[in-house]
Amino acid sequence: MATATIPPIEGVPAAILEMVRRLRAGGLPVSTSEALDAVAAVSAIDFDARPDVRTALKATLVKDTSHEVLFERSFEAVFPRVRRDRGGEASGSGSAKEAGDEQLMDDLVRAMRDGDLSQIDELLDEAVQRYAGTDKHTSTAGHHTQRALRRMNVPSLYRRYLEQGDSDSAYDRAIDAAEATAMLESMKVRMEDLVSGQLRDTGRDASQSLEDPEDRPLLLAGADELAAMRQAMRPLARRLATRLGNRRRRGTAGLDMRRTIRASMGTGGVPVQPVLRRKRPTKPDLIVLCDVSGSTAEFAPFTLTLLHAVHQEFRRVRSFVFVDGIVEITDILASSPGVLDPRQLLGRRGLVVRDGRSDYRHVLATFLDTWGDSVTAKTTMIIAGDTRSHRRESAVAELAELQHRARRLYWLNPEPRHEWDTLDSCATEYGNHCTDFFEVSTIRQLIGAVTQIV
């Protein structure tokens, strides 16, 4: 289990100042009086008691739950853990490693039953270090988290949690089961936050990882970064809509020869003032399909918000979200004042009909059967998703049919380009049936793609 260590800087005030510097760099407004309160709080407790230091700093410096990920990342950098060997190091024997894994899982379940949040965090951090493979930085936070959860064997953790209980009645056992489910769901969310923080900090100084919200990878963003990105998104969308509207109004389509000759009659037949033909743009229909499974659930609301902001460039806009089922959400989007919360989308009936993993073939086939008549030669279609098939049959035939029916078909992929065509990704295969295929791993790339499409 992790134990406390003195930070590698001199004195309590220096450690607090380093924390404050990192928090301010990440956008958390820490005042001078709050920094002094933090110094006073930490000075009143045992500086070697790491959980107590963490609690004191969080109570005095954090004012909003959206900043918790930034706080945790900064705290880990200023107050690093010293890890005790459980026999699970790579250099140990197979039996020692298995024993260390078993001990870690037993300790985690015990901490969950005791409600010891500080110890749960330390044990989850150790599990991430051991199982997630974040040192390779080869994929998104969601993929690294799923890798860790598979190694931890979540069904086994659920069973261990129930076995450690001493409930006799059916009612008590049902309460235990509900508590186990809630605790494991909370564990998954916390692990993804830990993975996101480690991926952002791998090999980089903290000041370098706090880039402009427009350039932060959407699939790696923690809760604090997503909040900053949502705040930045709405004004960006309005500016883009204004810019596109101005471009449409002042657009021209070349010389109007008939009107130019008629105007030249007043100047002796000399065309002193050429007359330009006014551009009469046609407004296509727009249909948007967004994958909201797994880590792409955080990406979809940004895409939908941006496209809804430029809806005046289209005659009609219809929006759909899907996992392994598909539902229309045009009504939700029209009434939303800002960037949607993913939970508003995931709660729709019919979105999950099988195992909760994206199934492009089934979804596109369902769309063609149910709404296929709405796709015509006047329709622009946009599909947003990571193209990962989960070892299912690909949707090439359905995609080819949509390309045949639609005016244009675009794909927005939130994964970085270097991850395309790895493992179960069908990026190139699907891209061959699209008018264009965009990497949109950041807000800046997303805005650039939408500008090109519109």
Protein backbone atom coordinates (compact mmCIF):
# COMPACT_ATOMS: atom_id res chain seq x y z
CA MET A 1 0.00 0.00 0.00
CA ALA A 2 1.17 3.56 -0.66
CA THR A 3 2.66 5.50 2.25
CA ALA A 4 3.42 9.17 2.73
CA THR A 5 6.67 10.86 1.89
CA ILE A 6 8.04 14.33 2.52
CA PRO A 7 7.82 16.39 -0.69
CA PRO A 8 11.17 17.22 -2.33
CA ILE A 9 10.90 20.93 -1.48
CA GLU A 10 11.78 22.79 1.70
CA GLY A 11 9.11 23.47 4.28
CA VAL A 12 5.33 23.55 4.38
CA PRO A 13 4.87 26.99 2.73
CA ALA A 14 7.00 25.99 -0.28
CA ALA A 15 4.89 22.86 -0.84
CA ILE A 16 1.66 24.87 -0.62
CA LEU A 17 2.97 27.50 -3.02
CA GLU A 18 3.82 24.78 -5.53
CA MET A 19 0.29 23.40 -5.19
CA VAL A 20 -1.20 26.87 -5.67
CA ARG A 21 0.98 27.49 -8.73
CA ARG A 22 -0.18 24.28 -10.39
CA LEU A 23 -3.84 24.88 -9.55
CA ARG A 24 -3.76 28.45 -10.90
CA ALA A 25 -2.02 27.27 -14.07
CA GLY A 26 -4.90 24.81 -14.57
CA GLY A 27 -7.54 27.54 -14.24
CA LEU A 28 -8.55 27.12 -10.59
CA PRO A 29 -8.89 30.60 -8.99
CA VAL A 30 -6.94 30.32 -5.71
CA SER A 31 -6.74 33.58 -3.75
CA THR A 32 -3.90 34.65 -1.46
CA SER A 33 -6.11 34.27 1.61
CA GLU A 34 -7.02 30.70 0.58
CA ALA A 35 -3.32 29.90 0.17
CA LEU A 36 -2.68 31.24 3.70
CA ASP A 37 -5.58 29.14 5.01
CA ALA A 38 -4.00 26.07 3.40
CA VAL A 39 -0.64 26.79 5.05
CA ALA A 40 -2.33 27.21 8.44
CA ALA A 41 -4.36 24.00 8.02
CA VAL A 42 -1.36 21.86 7.01
CA SER A 43 0.79 23.36 9.78
CA ALA A 44 -1.74 22.16 12.34
CA ILE A 45 -1.51 18.47 11.36
CA ASP A 46 1.18 15.82 10.96
CA PHE A 47 2.96 16.67 7.70
CA ASP A 48 3.91 12.98 7.20
CA ALA A 49 0.24 11.89 7.30
CA ARG A 50 -0.38 12.12 3.58
CA PRO A 51 -4.18 11.47 3.64
CA ASP A 52 -4.61 14.23 6.27
CA VAL A 53 -2.52 16.65 4.20
CA ARG A 54 -4.65 15.85 1.15
CA THR A 55 -7.88 16.45 3.08
CA ALA A 56 -6.65 19.76 4.50
CA LEU A 57 -5.53 21.07 1.12
CA LYS A 58 -8.69 19.97 -0.65
CA ALA A 59 -10.87 21.63 2.00
CA THR A 60 -9.06 24.96 1.71
CA LEU A 61 -8.21 25.15 -2.01
CA VAL A 62 -11.00 23.40 -3.95
CA LYS A 63 -14.39 25.07 -4.25
CA ASP A 64 -16.01 23.05 -7.05
CA THR A 65 -16.16 19.31 -7.78
CA SER A 66 -15.21 19.99 -11.42
CA HIS A 67 -11.71 20.91 -10.19
CA GLU A 68 -11.09 17.65 -8.34
CA VAL A 69 -9.14 15.99 -11.15
CA LEU A 70 -6.79 18.98 -11.41
CA PHE A 71 -6.34 18.95 -7.62
CA GLU A 72 -5.57 15.21 -7.56
CA ARG A 73 -3.05 15.52 -10.38
CA SER A 74 -1.31 18.46 -8.70
CA PHE A 75 -1.29 16.75 -5.31
CA GLU A 76 0.28 13.61 -6.79
CA ALA A 77 3.04 15.72 -8.35
CA VAL A 78 3.86 17.69 -5.18
CA PHE A 79 3.31 14.84 -2.69
CA PRO A 80 4.40 11.66 -4.54
CA ARG A 81 3.67 8.26 -3.05
CA VAL A 82 6.21 5.69 -1.93
CA ARG A 83 4.89 2.27 -2.89
CA ARG A 84 5.27 -0.86 -0.79
CA ASP A 85 6.09 -4.00 -2.77
CA ARG A 86 3.22 -6.51 -2.67
CA GLY A 87 5.19 -9.12 -4.53
CA GLY A 88 3.55 -7.99 -7.75
CA GLU A 89 6.53 -6.35 -9.46
CA ALA A 90 7.39 -7.47 -12.98
CA SER A 91 10.71 -8.84 -11.73
CA GLY A 92 9.06 -11.23 -9.27
CA SER A 93 8.01 -14.82 -9.90
CA GLY A 94 4.60 -15.64 -11.35
CA SER A 95 3.27 -16.98 -8.04
CA ALA A 96 4.52 -13.92 -6.14
CA LYS A 97 2.90 -11.63 -8.69
CA GLU A 98 -0.43 -13.49 -8.43
CA ALA A 99 -0.24 -13.30 -4.62
CA GLY A 100 0.41 -9.57 -4.84
CA ASP A 101 -2.58 -9.14 -7.19
CA GLU A 102 -4.83 -11.10 -4.86
CA GLN A 103 -3.72 -9.03 -1.86
CA LEU A 104 -4.37 -5.79 -3.78
CA MET A 105 -7.91 -6.89 -4.71
CA ASP A 106 -8.66 -8.04 -1.15
CA ASP A 107 -7.44 -4.71 0.27
CA LEU A 108 -9.52 -2.80 -2.29
CA VAL A 109 -12.72 -4.69 -1.43
CA ARG A 110 -12.06 -4.21 2.29
CA ALA A 111 -11.54 -0.46 1.81
CA MET A 112 -14.80 -0.30 -0.17
CA ARG A 113 -16.75 -2.02 2.59
CA ASP A 114 -15.16 0.28 5.18
CA GLY A 115 -15.89 3.38 3.09
CA ASP A 116 -12.25 4.47 3.38
CA LEU A 117 -12.13 6.82 0.38
CA SER A 118 -8.51 7.82 0.88
CA GLN A 119 -7.33 4.21 0.88
CA ILE A 120 -9.57 3.39 -2.10
CA ASP A 121 -7.88 6.17 -4.08
CA GLU A 122 -4.41 4.89 -3.19
CA LEU A 123 -5.28 1.29 -4.08
CA LEU A 124 -6.90 2.32 -7.38
CA ASP A 125 -3.82 4.36 -8.22
CA GLU A 126 -1.70 1.28 -7.58
CA ALA A 127 -4.01 -0.81 -9.78
CA VAL A 128 -3.70 1.76 -12.59
CA GLN A 129 0.09 1.71 -12.31
CA ARG A 130 0.11 -2.08 -12.41
CA TYR A 131 -2.53 -2.95 -15.00
CA ALA A 132 -3.39 0.02 -17.25
CA GLY A 133 -0.14 0.25 -19.23
CA THR A 134 -0.19 4.06 -19.20
CA ASP A 135 3.60 4.14 -19.47
CA LYS A 136 3.23 3.09 -23.12
CA HIS A 137 0.72 5.91 -23.84
CA THR A 138 -0.55 3.89 -26.80
CA SER A 139 -4.25 4.66 -26.65
CA THR A 140 -7.01 6.73 -25.08
CA ALA A 141 -7.90 6.91 -21.39
CA GLY A 142 -10.98 4.76 -21.96
CA HIS A 143 -8.96 1.95 -23.53
CA HIS A 144 -6.31 1.98 -20.79
CA THR A 145 -9.06 1.97 -18.15
CA GLN A 146 -10.82 -0.99 -19.75
CA ARG A 147 -7.50 -2.83 -19.87
CA ALA A 148 -7.04 -2.31 -16.13
CA LEU A 149 -10.63 -3.32 -15.34
CA ARG A 150 -10.26 -6.56 -17.31
CA ARG A 151 -7.12 -7.42 -15.36
CA MET A 152 -8.86 -6.61 -12.09
CA ASN A 153 -11.83 -8.85 -13.00
CA VAL A 154 -14.76 -6.66 -11.93
CA PRO A 155 -17.23 -9.60 -11.58
CA SER A 156 -14.76 -11.18 -9.16
CA LEU A 157 -14.57 -7.94 -7.16
CA TYR A 158 -18.39 -7.87 -6.98
CA ARG A 159 -18.41 -11.45 -5.68
CA ARG A 160 -15.70 -10.71 -3.11
CA TYR A 161 -17.63 -7.68 -1.88
CA LEU A 162 -20.72 -9.81 -1.23
CA GLU A 163 -18.72 -12.66 0.34
CA GLN A 164 -17.19 -10.29 2.91
CA GLY A 165 -20.67 -9.34 4.10
CA ASP A 166 -22.48 -11.09 6.95
CA SER A 167 -26.07 -10.44 5.86
CA ASP A 168 -28.62 -13.13 6.73
CA SER A 169 -31.90 -11.75 5.36
CA ALA A 170 -32.79 -11.37 1.69
CA TYR A 171 -33.35 -7.65 2.27
CA ASP A 172 -29.83 -7.14 3.69
CA ARG A 173 -28.33 -9.11 0.82
CA ALA A 174 -30.19 -6.92 -1.68
CA ILE A 175 -28.84 -3.80 0.04
CA ASP A 176 -25.33 -5.28 -0.11
CA ALA A 177 -25.74 -5.99 -3.83
CA ALA A 178 -26.93 -2.44 -4.52
CA GLU A 179 -24.01 -0.99 -2.55
CA ALA A 180 -21.55 -3.21 -4.43
CA THR A 181 -22.94 -2.10 -7.80
CA ALA A 182 -22.78 1.60 -6.87
CA MET A 183 -19.28 1.27 -5.43
CA LEU A 184 -17.94 -0.50 -8.53
CA GLU A 185 -19.51 2.07 -10.86
CA SER A 186 -17.88 4.84 -8.82
CA MET A 187 -14.60 2.92 -8.98
CA LYS A 188 -14.70 2.82 -12.80
CA VAL A 189 -15.25 6.58 -13.04
CA ARG A 190 -12.44 7.29 -10.58
CA MET A 191 -10.05 4.98 -12.43
CA GLU A 192 -10.67 6.74 -15.74
CA ASP A 193 -9.92 10.08 -14.05
CA LEU A 194 -6.65 8.66 -12.68
CA VAL A 195 -5.69 7.27 -16.09
CA SER A 196 -6.51 10.58 -17.80
CA GLY A 197 -4.29 12.47 -15.37
CA GLN A 198 -1.40 10.04 -15.84
CA LEU A 199 -1.64 10.13 -19.64
CA ARG A 200 -1.62 13.93 -19.65
CA ASP A 201 1.39 14.08 -17.34
CA THR A 202 3.49 11.28 -18.87
CA GLY A 203 6.84 12.72 -19.85
CA ARG A 204 5.63 16.33 -19.64
CA ASP A 205 5.92 19.18 -17.18
CA ALA A 206 2.62 20.24 -15.65
CA SER A 207 2.81 23.68 -17.22
CA GLN A 208 3.10 22.07 -20.66
CA SER A 209 0.06 19.86 -20.12
CA LEU A 210 -2.23 22.80 -19.40
CA GLU A 211 -2.68 23.91 -22.98
CA ASP A 212 -5.45 26.00 -24.50
CA PRO A 213 -8.85 24.27 -24.05
CA GLU A 214 -9.21 24.21 -27.84
CA ASP A 215 -6.11 21.98 -28.11
CA ARG A 216 -6.78 19.52 -25.29
CA PRO A 217 -7.43 15.94 -26.47
CA LEU A 218 -11.16 15.36 -25.97
CA LEU A 219 -10.82 11.66 -25.15
CA LEU A 220 -8.09 12.26 -22.55
CA ALA A 221 -9.73 15.18 -20.74
CA GLY A 222 -10.56 14.86 -17.05
CA ALA A 223 -13.60 16.37 -15.34
CA ASP A 224 -11.94 19.74 -14.73
CA GLU A 225 -10.73 20.03 -18.30
CA LEU A 226 -14.10 19.02 -19.75
CA ALA A 227 -15.74 21.77 -17.69
CA ALA A 228 -13.30 24.35 -19.11
CA MET A 229 -13.88 23.03 -22.63
CA ARG A 230 -17.66 23.27 -22.26
CA GLN A 231 -17.33 26.89 -21.13
CA ALA A 232 -15.12 27.66 -24.14
CA MET A 233 -17.30 25.80 -26.63
CA ARG A 234 -20.42 27.97 -26.68
CA PRO A 235 -18.75 31.29 -27.62
CA LEU A 236 -16.60 29.45 -30.18
CA ALA A 237 -19.72 27.98 -31.75
CA ARG A 238 -21.40 31.40 -31.90
CA ARG A 239 -18.35 32.98 -33.55
CA LEU A 240 -18.20 30.18 -36.11
CA ALA A 241 -21.90 30.61 -36.92
CA THR A 242 -21.43 34.37 -37.39
CA ARG A 243 -18.37 33.88 -39.62
CA LEU A 244 -20.13 31.33 -41.82
CA GLY A 245 -23.21 33.55 -42.08
CA ASN A 246 -21.12 36.53 -43.20
CA ARG A 247 -19.32 34.36 -45.74
CA ARG A 248 -22.62 33.21 -47.20
CA ARG A 249 -24.05 36.74 -47.42
CA ARG A 250 -21.09 38.25 -49.22
CA GLY A 251 -20.42 35.28 -51.48
CA THR A 252 -20.60 35.81 -55.27
CA ALA A 253 -20.71 33.45 -58.21
CA GLY A 254 -18.92 35.41 -60.97
CA LEU A 255 -19.77 38.06 -63.54
CA ASP A 256 -23.39 38.67 -64.58
CA MET A 257 -22.79 39.47 -68.27
CA ARG A 258 -26.37 40.50 -69.12
CA ARG A 259 -26.63 43.04 -66.31
CA THR A 260 -23.08 44.31 -66.96
CA ILE A 261 -23.88 45.08 -70.65
CA ARG A 262 -27.13 46.77 -69.67
CA ALA A 263 -25.31 48.93 -67.11
CA SER A 264 -22.63 49.89 -69.68
CA MET A 265 -25.22 51.66 -71.84
CA GLY A 266 -24.90 54.72 -69.61
CA THR A 267 -21.13 54.91 -70.23
CA GLY A 268 -21.09 54.55 -74.00
CA GLY A 269 -20.93 50.77 -73.94
CA VAL A 270 -17.81 50.70 -71.77
CA PRO A 271 -18.28 48.29 -68.82
CA VAL A 272 -16.92 50.65 -66.20
CA GLN A 273 -18.72 48.90 -63.37
CA PRO A 274 -18.93 45.10 -63.72
CA VAL A 275 -22.05 43.60 -62.13
CA LEU A 276 -21.51 40.41 -60.17
CA ARG A 277 -24.08 37.67 -60.03
CA ARG A 278 -25.44 37.14 -56.54
CA LYS A 279 -24.72 33.72 -55.17
CA ARG A 280 -27.85 31.77 -54.40
CA PRO A 281 -26.65 28.96 -52.20
CA THR A 282 -28.76 25.90 -51.79
CA LYS A 283 -29.30 24.81 -48.22
CA PRO A 284 -29.04 21.04 -47.84
CA ASP A 285 -30.63 18.94 -45.14
CA LEU A 286 -28.24 17.77 -42.41
CA ILE A 287 -28.41 14.45 -40.58
CA VAL A 288 -25.94 13.80 -37.75
CA LEU A 289 -25.26 10.39 -36.16
CA CYS A 290 -23.06 10.39 -33.02
CA ASP A 291 -21.60 7.42 -31.19
CA VAL A 292 -22.07 7.89 -27.41
CA SER A 293 -20.56 4.61 -26.20
CA GLY A 294 -17.61 4.49 -23.81
CA SER A 295 -15.18 7.40 -23.89
CA THR A 296 -16.79 8.85 -27.05
CA ALA A 297 -19.80 9.82 -24.90
CA GLU A 298 -17.88 12.95 -23.84
CA PHE A 299 -17.02 13.81 -27.45
CA ALA A 300 -20.53 13.63 -28.93
CA PRO A 301 -22.04 16.66 -27.09
CA PHE A 302 -19.31 18.96 -28.46
CA THR A 303 -20.04 17.83 -32.02
CA LEU A 304 -23.80 18.18 -31.63
CA THR A 305 -23.49 21.63 -30.02
CA LEU A 306 -21.24 22.94 -32.78
CA LEU A 307 -23.42 21.62 -35.59
CA HIS A 308 -26.58 22.93 -33.96
CA ALA A 309 -24.95 26.38 -33.71
CA VAL A 310 -24.54 26.49 -37.51
CA HIS A 311 -28.01 25.09 -38.23
CA GLN A 312 -28.90 28.22 -40.25
CA GLU A 313 -26.54 26.96 -42.96
CA PHE A 314 -28.92 24.03 -43.51
CA ARG A 315 -32.58 23.74 -44.43
CA ARG A 316 -33.31 21.14 -41.78
CA VAL A 317 -31.15 19.46 -39.10
CA ARG A 318 -31.88 16.08 -37.52
CA SER A 319 -29.64 14.57 -34.84
CA PHE A 320 -29.30 10.97 -33.67
CA VAL A 321 -27.16 9.20 -31.05
CA PHE A 322 -26.32 5.52 -30.91
CA VAL A 323 -24.55 2.77 -29.02
CA ASP A 324 -25.86 -0.58 -30.26
CA GLY A 325 -29.29 0.99 -30.69
CA ILE A 326 -30.12 4.38 -32.21
CA VAL A 327 -32.53 7.15 -31.12
CA GLU A 328 -33.35 10.64 -32.41
CA ILE A 329 -32.51 13.57 -30.09
CA THR A 330 -33.41 16.56 -32.29
CA ASP A 331 -35.90 17.71 -29.63
CA ILE A 332 -33.30 17.66 -26.81
CA LEU A 333 -30.76 19.57 -28.84
CA ALA A 334 -33.24 22.27 -29.85
CA SER A 335 -34.11 23.00 -26.21
CA SER A 336 -30.57 22.81 -24.78
CA PRO A 337 -29.03 26.17 -23.75
CA GLY A 338 -25.42 24.90 -23.83
CA VAL A 339 -23.23 21.84 -24.27
CA LEU A 340 -25.24 18.76 -23.39
CA ASP A 341 -24.35 16.56 -20.45
CA PRO A 342 -23.71 13.01 -21.75
CA ARG A 343 -26.17 11.71 -19.16
CA GLN A 344 -28.95 13.54 -21.02
CA LEU A 345 -28.18 11.37 -24.02
CA LEU A 346 -27.41 8.05 -22.36
CA GLY A 347 -30.76 7.97 -20.60
CA ARG A 348 -32.81 7.65 -23.80
CA ARG A 349 -34.74 4.41 -24.17
CA GLY A 350 -33.60 2.30 -27.12
CA LEU A 351 -30.01 3.51 -27.06
CA VAL A 352 -28.67 0.25 -25.58
CA VAL A 353 -30.36 -2.90 -26.86
CA ARG A 354 -27.60 -5.52 -26.52
CA ASP A 355 -24.31 -5.42 -24.62
CA GLY A 356 -23.73 -1.65 -24.54
CA ARG A 357 -20.82 -1.61 -26.99
CA SER A 358 -21.06 0.31 -30.25
CA ASP A 359 -22.32 -1.77 -33.18
CA TYR A 360 -22.04 0.27 -36.38
CA ARG A 361 -23.49 -2.40 -38.67
CA HIS A 362 -26.63 -2.92 -36.60
CA VAL A 363 -27.07 0.82 -35.98
CA LEU A 364 -26.70 1.88 -39.62
CA ALA A 365 -28.95 -0.97 -40.77
CA THR A 366 -31.59 0.15 -38.26
CA PHE A 367 -31.24 3.76 -39.43
CA LEU A 368 -31.71 2.75 -43.07
CA ASP A 369 -34.79 0.66 -42.21
CA THR A 370 -36.39 3.34 -40.03
CA TRP A 371 -35.24 6.70 -41.38
CA GLY A 372 -33.63 5.78 -44.69
CA ASP A 373 -36.22 7.71 -46.74
CA SER A 374 -35.01 10.97 -45.17
CA VAL A 375 -31.60 10.58 -46.88
CA THR A 376 -31.83 12.09 -50.36
CA ALA A 377 -29.65 13.83 -52.93
CA LYS A 378 -30.16 17.03 -50.88
CA THR A 379 -28.86 15.50 -47.63
CA THR A 380 -25.45 16.02 -46.03
CA MET A 381 -24.70 13.24 -43.53
CA ILE A 382 -22.15 13.39 -40.71
CA ILE A 383 -21.23 10.33 -38.65
CA ALA A 384 -19.12 10.87 -35.51
CA GLY A 385 -17.42 7.90 -33.86
CA ASP A 386 -14.16 6.04 -33.31
CA THR A 387 -14.92 3.34 -35.98
CA ARG A 388 -14.10 0.52 -33.54
CA SER A 389 -16.02 -2.66 -34.39
CA HIS A 390 -15.44 -4.61 -31.14
CA ARG A 391 -14.71 -7.61 -33.37
CA ARG A 392 -18.15 -7.44 -34.93
CA GLU A 393 -18.90 -7.41 -38.65
CA SER A 394 -18.08 -4.04 -40.21
CA ALA A 395 -20.70 -1.65 -41.61
CA VAL A 396 -19.16 -1.23 -45.07
CA ALA A 397 -22.28 -2.26 -47.00
CA GLU A 398 -24.55 0.05 -44.99
CA LEU A 399 -22.09 2.92 -45.29
CA ALA A 400 -21.86 2.42 -49.06
CA GLU A 401 -25.65 2.60 -49.27
CA LEU A 402 -25.74 5.86 -47.31
CA GLN A 403 -23.00 7.31 -49.53
CA HIS A 404 -25.07 6.37 -52.60
CA ARG A 405 -28.21 8.05 -51.27
CA ALA A 406 -26.72 11.20 -49.70
CA ARG A 407 -25.39 14.36 -51.33
CA ARG A 408 -22.25 14.10 -49.18
CA LEU A 409 -21.14 11.81 -46.36
CA TYR A 410 -18.52 12.87 -43.79
CA TRP A 411 -16.96 11.04 -40.85
CA LEU A 412 -15.56 12.72 -37.71
CA ASN A 413 -13.15 10.50 -35.75
CA PRO A 414 -12.20 11.71 -32.22
CA GLU A 415 -9.21 9.34 -32.00
CA PRO A 416 -5.73 10.64 -32.91
CA ARG A 417 -4.64 9.66 -36.42
CA HIS A 418 -1.86 7.37 -35.14
CA GLU A 419 -4.52 5.14 -33.54
CA TRP A 420 -6.51 4.62 -36.74
CA ASP A 421 -6.54 1.04 -38.06
CA THR A 422 -5.09 -0.33 -34.81
CA LEU A 423 -6.74 -3.33 -33.12
CA ASP A 424 -10.45 -3.25 -34.10
CA SER A 425 -10.47 0.21 -35.75
CA CYS A 426 -12.03 0.33 -39.25
CA ALA A 427 -10.96 3.91 -40.01
CA THR A 428 -9.53 3.44 -43.51
CA GLU A 429 -12.18 0.89 -44.47
CA TYR A 430 -14.98 3.33 -43.56
CA GLY A 431 -13.10 6.34 -44.91
CA ASN A 432 -13.14 4.79 -48.40
CA HIS A 433 -16.91 5.27 -48.47
CA CYS A 434 -16.96 8.89 -47.25
CA THR A 435 -16.66 12.22 -49.05
CA ASP A 436 -14.06 13.14 -46.43
CA PHE A 437 -12.77 11.65 -43.18
CA PHE A 438 -11.57 14.02 -40.42
CA GLU A 439 -9.45 13.66 -37.30
CA VAL A 440 -11.23 15.70 -34.61
CA SER A 441 -9.38 14.79 -31.42
CA THR A 442 -9.47 18.46 -30.23
CA ILE A 443 -12.02 21.28 -30.34
CA ARG A 444 -9.80 23.21 -32.77
CA GLN A 445 -9.77 20.27 -35.18
CA LEU A 446 -13.54 19.86 -34.75
CA ILE A 447 -14.17 23.49 -35.65
CA GLY A 448 -11.85 23.20 -38.65
CA ALA A 449 -13.69 20.12 -39.91
CA VAL A 450 -17.13 21.71 -39.53
CA THR A 451 -15.92 24.85 -41.35
CA GLN A 452 -14.81 22.71 -44.31
CA ILE A 453 -18.05 20.73 -44.36
CA VAL A 454 -20.32 23.78 -44.23
